[in-house]
Amino acid sequence: MSELRYTKDHEWVSVDGDVATIGITAYAADKLGDVVYVDLPEAGKSVAAGRVVGEIESTKSVGELFAPVDGEVLERNEAVIAEPALVNADPTGAAWLIKVRFTELPELLTAAEYEELTQG
């Protein structure tokens, strides 16, 4: 797996060949608070970059998950659906959300660029 890249919508992306593993950042998980429900697209569903593909509900609010790439969902993380608190416990590890086979990788933020975004 490559180093993580980021979106301005607070998703992280890890690329392995033509498959992007996608989750939300620790910053986003912290802002959401205690996550109590996660809704993710089924395998086989087409997603478009910038479009809402899921929801993450917390005790404080509901957050939307945006697709950072165009492609087809290969897998969703059933463990996160069963135990949403994983998003708070390990947002960039065990709590990955979906894996998408993408057609083209858009420009994504580096870790330094994302840190600058969240500090500002």
Protein backbone atom coordinates (compact mmCIF):
# COMPACT_ATOMS: atom_id res chain seq x y z
CA MET A 1 0.00 0.00 0.00
CA SER A 2 1.13 3.50 -0.72
CA GLU A 3 1.28 6.40 1.68
CA LEU A 4 -2.04 8.01 2.42
CA ARG A 5 -3.40 10.86 0.30
CA TYR A 6 -6.28 13.09 1.34
CA THR A 7 -9.32 14.99 0.08
CA LYS A 8 -10.61 18.38 1.19
CA ASP A 9 -13.72 16.47 2.39
CA HIS A 10 -11.58 14.68 5.03
CA GLU A 11 -11.30 11.26 3.38
CA TRP A 12 -8.01 9.41 3.17
CA VAL A 13 -7.07 7.28 0.17
CA SER A 14 -4.52 4.50 -0.05
CA VAL A 15 -3.73 3.25 -3.55
CA ASP A 16 -2.66 -0.28 -4.46
CA GLY A 17 -2.56 -0.70 -8.25
CA ASP A 18 -6.00 0.37 -9.49
CA VAL A 19 -7.71 -0.11 -6.13
CA ALA A 20 -8.29 2.76 -3.71
CA THR A 21 -8.98 1.99 -0.06
CA ILE A 22 -10.97 4.88 1.40
CA GLY A 23 -11.77 6.00 4.92
CA ILE A 24 -12.24 9.16 6.93
CA THR A 25 -9.38 10.95 8.62
CA ALA A 26 -8.70 11.07 12.34
CA TYR A 27 -9.52 14.80 12.14
CA ALA A 28 -12.99 14.03 10.73
CA ALA A 29 -13.60 11.22 13.24
CA ASP A 30 -12.67 13.57 16.07
CA LYS A 31 -15.00 16.31 14.77
CA LEU A 32 -17.88 13.81 14.44
CA GLY A 33 -17.55 12.51 17.99
CA ASP A 34 -18.74 9.03 18.98
CA VAL A 35 -19.76 7.22 15.77
CA VAL A 36 -22.90 5.12 16.23
CA TYR A 37 -23.93 4.16 12.66
CA VAL A 38 -22.20 3.72 9.30
CA ASP A 39 -23.99 3.27 5.96
CA LEU A 40 -21.78 2.17 3.05
CA PRO A 41 -22.47 1.20 -0.58
CA GLU A 42 -22.69 -2.46 -1.58
CA ALA A 43 -20.01 -4.16 -3.68
CA GLY A 44 -20.74 -3.69 -7.39
CA LYS A 45 -22.13 -0.17 -7.00
CA SER A 46 -20.66 2.53 -9.25
CA VAL A 47 -19.44 5.67 -7.53
CA ALA A 48 -18.51 9.08 -8.93
CA ALA A 49 -15.86 11.39 -7.50
CA GLY A 50 -17.37 14.15 -5.39
CA ARG A 51 -20.71 12.36 -4.92
CA VAL A 52 -22.08 11.14 -1.60
CA VAL A 53 -21.67 7.36 -1.23
CA GLY A 54 -22.42 6.82 2.44
CA GLU A 55 -23.25 8.28 5.82
CA ILE A 56 -21.51 8.30 9.15
CA GLU A 57 -23.74 9.14 12.11
CA SER A 58 -22.47 10.16 15.50
CA THR A 59 -24.05 11.26 18.73
CA LYS A 60 -23.46 14.85 17.56
CA SER A 61 -24.26 14.87 13.83
CA VAL A 62 -24.49 13.05 10.52
CA GLY A 63 -21.52 13.22 8.16
CA GLU A 64 -21.50 12.30 4.50
CA LEU A 65 -18.87 10.10 2.88
CA PHE A 66 -17.84 11.38 -0.54
CA ALA A 67 -16.22 9.23 -3.21
CA PRO A 68 -12.76 10.63 -4.01
CA VAL A 69 -12.57 8.57 -7.23
CA ASP A 70 -14.80 7.31 -10.06
CA GLY A 71 -15.13 3.55 -10.11
CA GLU A 72 -16.81 0.42 -8.79
CA VAL A 73 -17.04 -0.59 -5.14
CA LEU A 74 -15.20 -3.90 -4.69
CA GLU A 75 -15.74 -4.27 -0.96
CA ARG A 76 -17.18 -2.48 2.04
CA ASN A 77 -15.91 -2.93 5.57
CA GLU A 78 -18.60 -5.02 7.27
CA ALA A 79 -16.71 -4.80 10.58
CA VAL A 80 -17.28 -1.02 10.68
CA ILE A 81 -20.97 -1.46 9.89
CA ALA A 82 -21.24 -3.97 12.76
CA GLU A 83 -19.08 -1.90 15.13
CA PRO A 84 -19.19 1.81 14.14
CA ALA A 85 -16.99 2.82 17.11
CA LEU A 86 -14.02 1.44 15.13
CA VAL A 87 -14.12 4.72 13.18
CA ASN A 88 -13.11 6.56 16.36
CA ALA A 89 -10.68 3.89 17.55
CA ASP A 90 -8.67 3.36 14.32
CA PRO A 91 -9.87 5.65 11.49
CA THR A 92 -6.85 5.11 9.22
CA GLY A 93 -6.45 1.40 9.92
CA ALA A 94 -9.10 -1.16 10.85
CA ALA A 95 -11.87 1.35 10.09
CA TRP A 96 -11.25 1.67 6.35
CA LEU A 97 -14.67 2.06 4.75
CA ILE A 98 -14.70 0.98 1.10
CA LYS A 99 -12.38 -0.33 -1.60
CA VAL A 100 -12.99 1.02 -5.10
CA ARG A 101 -11.48 -0.06 -8.42
CA PHE A 102 -10.92 3.33 -10.00
CA THR A 103 -10.63 4.43 -13.60
CA GLU A 104 -8.46 7.49 -12.98
CA LEU A 105 -6.83 8.82 -9.85
CA PRO A 106 -7.60 12.52 -9.30
CA GLU A 107 -5.20 15.00 -7.74
CA LEU A 108 -5.19 14.39 -3.98
CA LEU A 109 -3.58 16.23 -1.08
CA THR A 110 -0.33 15.10 0.49
CA ALA A 111 -0.14 14.65 4.27
CA ALA A 112 1.53 18.07 4.60
CA GLU A 113 -1.14 19.76 2.45
CA TYR A 114 -3.93 18.10 4.44
CA GLU A 115 -2.35 19.13 7.73
CA GLU A 116 -2.16 22.71 6.45
CA LEU A 117 -5.85 22.54 5.48
CA THR A 118 -6.93 21.33 8.92
CA GLN A 119 -4.70 23.76 10.82
CA GLY A 120 -6.09 26.77 8.94
